[in-house]
């Protein structure tokens, strides 16, 4: 049986914590940030955790994560 390969586009966007949580950066940070309120800008800095429903798809894409 061949080895399972990591999906590189997914590996660049997500990281796995020790407790198997999947974290990703919030989208929409490149430009047009001046018009956002400060609260929105601050919330974009911290990573967002993905729900349990997405976990199966991410485990297939990141078999060694």
C-alpha atoms as a PDB file:
ATOM      1  CA  UNK A   1       0.000   0.000   0.000  1.00  0.00           C
ATOM      2  CA  UNK A   2       1.459   3.421  -0.908  1.00  0.00           C
ATOM      3  CA  UNK A   3       2.126   6.048   1.695  1.00  0.00           C
ATOM      4  CA  UNK A   4      -0.516   8.696   2.292  1.00  0.00           C
ATOM      5  CA  UNK A   5       0.667  12.099   1.197  1.00  0.00           C
ATOM      6  CA  UNK A   6       0.011  15.360   2.964  1.00  0.00           C
ATOM      7  CA  UNK A   7      -2.053  17.881   1.009  1.00  0.00           C
ATOM      8  CA  UNK A   8       0.410  20.768   0.908  1.00  0.00           C
ATOM      9  CA  UNK A   9      -2.129  23.574   0.410  1.00  0.00           C
ATOM     10  CA  UNK A  10      -3.939  22.423   3.556  1.00  0.00           C
ATOM     11  CA  UNK A  11      -0.684  22.026   5.492  1.00  0.00           C
ATOM     12  CA  UNK A  12       0.214  25.653   4.783  1.00  0.00           C
ATOM     13  CA  UNK A  13      -3.109  26.968   6.080  1.00  0.00           C
ATOM     14  CA  UNK A  14      -3.799  24.826   9.154  1.00  0.00           C
ATOM     15  CA  UNK A  15      -1.872  23.713  12.173  1.00  0.00           C
ATOM     16  CA  UNK A  16      -2.730  20.995  14.653  1.00  0.00           C
ATOM     17  CA  UNK A  17      -2.450  21.502  18.398  1.00  0.00           C
ATOM     18  CA  UNK A  18      -1.530  18.793  20.900  1.00  0.00           C
ATOM     19  CA  UNK A  19      -5.202  18.177  21.650  1.00  0.00           C
ATOM     20  CA  UNK A  20      -5.920  17.629  17.924  1.00  0.00           C
ATOM     21  CA  UNK A  21      -7.566  21.022  17.410  1.00  0.00           C
ATOM     22  CA  UNK A  22      -7.190  22.504  13.947  1.00  0.00           C
ATOM     23  CA  UNK A  23      -6.339  26.205  13.848  1.00  0.00           C
ATOM     24  CA  UNK A  24      -6.274  28.523  10.852  1.00  0.00           C
ATOM     25  CA  UNK A  25      -5.687  32.201  10.316  1.00  0.00           C
ATOM     26  CA  UNK A  26      -8.704  34.419   9.769  1.00  0.00           C
ATOM     27  CA  UNK A  27      -9.158  35.467   6.168  1.00  0.00           C
ATOM     28  CA  UNK A  28      -9.360  38.961   4.711  1.00  0.00           C
ATOM     29  CA  UNK A  29      -6.271  40.584   6.211  1.00  0.00           C
ATOM     30  CA  UNK A  30      -4.370  41.732   3.134  1.00  0.00           C
ATOM     31  CA  UNK A  31      -5.969  45.111   2.439  1.00  0.00           C
ATOM     32  CA  UNK A  32      -9.012  47.304   3.179  1.00  0.00           C
ATOM     33  CA  UNK A  33      -8.386  46.956   6.912  1.00  0.00           C
ATOM     34  CA  UNK A  34      -8.551  50.657   7.694  1.00  0.00           C
ATOM     35  CA  UNK A  35     -12.319  50.716   7.328  1.00  0.00           C
ATOM     36  CA  UNK A  36     -12.841  47.873   9.794  1.00  0.00           C
ATOM     37  CA  UNK A  37     -13.544  48.683  13.441  1.00  0.00           C
ATOM     38  CA  UNK A  38     -10.709  48.044  15.875  1.00  0.00           C
ATOM     39  CA  UNK A  39     -12.517  45.078  17.370  1.00  0.00           C
ATOM     40  CA  UNK A  40     -12.650  43.335  13.983  1.00  0.00           C
ATOM     41  CA  UNK A  41      -8.973  44.044  13.306  1.00  0.00           C
ATOM     42  CA  UNK A  42      -7.962  42.619  16.684  1.00  0.00           C
ATOM     43  CA  UNK A  43     -10.071  39.496  16.166  1.00  0.00           C
ATOM     44  CA  UNK A  44      -8.380  38.859  12.825  1.00  0.00           C
ATOM     45  CA  UNK A  45      -5.018  38.538  14.590  1.00  0.00           C
ATOM     46  CA  UNK A  46      -5.866  35.406  16.532  1.00  0.00           C
ATOM     47  CA  UNK A  47      -6.371  32.020  14.896  1.00  0.00           C
ATOM     48  CA  UNK A  48      -9.796  30.449  14.653  1.00  0.00           C
ATOM     49  CA  UNK A  49     -10.533  26.868  15.714  1.00  0.00           C
ATOM     50  CA  UNK A  50     -12.457  24.619  13.338  1.00  0.00           C
ATOM     51  CA  UNK A  51     -15.463  22.643  14.456  1.00  0.00           C
ATOM     52  CA  UNK A  52     -15.552  18.907  14.986  1.00  0.00           C
ATOM     53  CA  UNK A  53     -17.502  18.496  11.732  1.00  0.00           C
ATOM     54  CA  UNK A  54     -14.471  19.574   9.667  1.00  0.00           C
ATOM     55  CA  UNK A  55     -12.107  17.251  11.511  1.00  0.00           C
ATOM     56  CA  UNK A  56     -12.629  14.179   9.306  1.00  0.00           C
ATOM     57  CA  UNK A  57     -11.773  16.056   6.108  1.00  0.00           C
ATOM     58  CA  UNK A  58      -8.715  17.655   7.697  1.00  0.00           C
ATOM     59  CA  UNK A  59      -7.430  14.326   9.024  1.00  0.00           C
ATOM     60  CA  UNK A  60      -7.524  12.911   5.477  1.00  0.00           C
ATOM     61  CA  UNK A  61      -5.699  15.945   4.080  1.00  0.00           C
ATOM     62  CA  UNK A  62      -3.129  15.961   6.919  1.00  0.00           C
ATOM     63  CA  UNK A  63      -2.406  12.301   7.718  1.00  0.00           C
ATOM     64  CA  UNK A  64       0.885  13.028   9.500  1.00  0.00           C
ATOM     65  CA  UNK A  65      -0.359  16.057  11.425  1.00  0.00           C
END
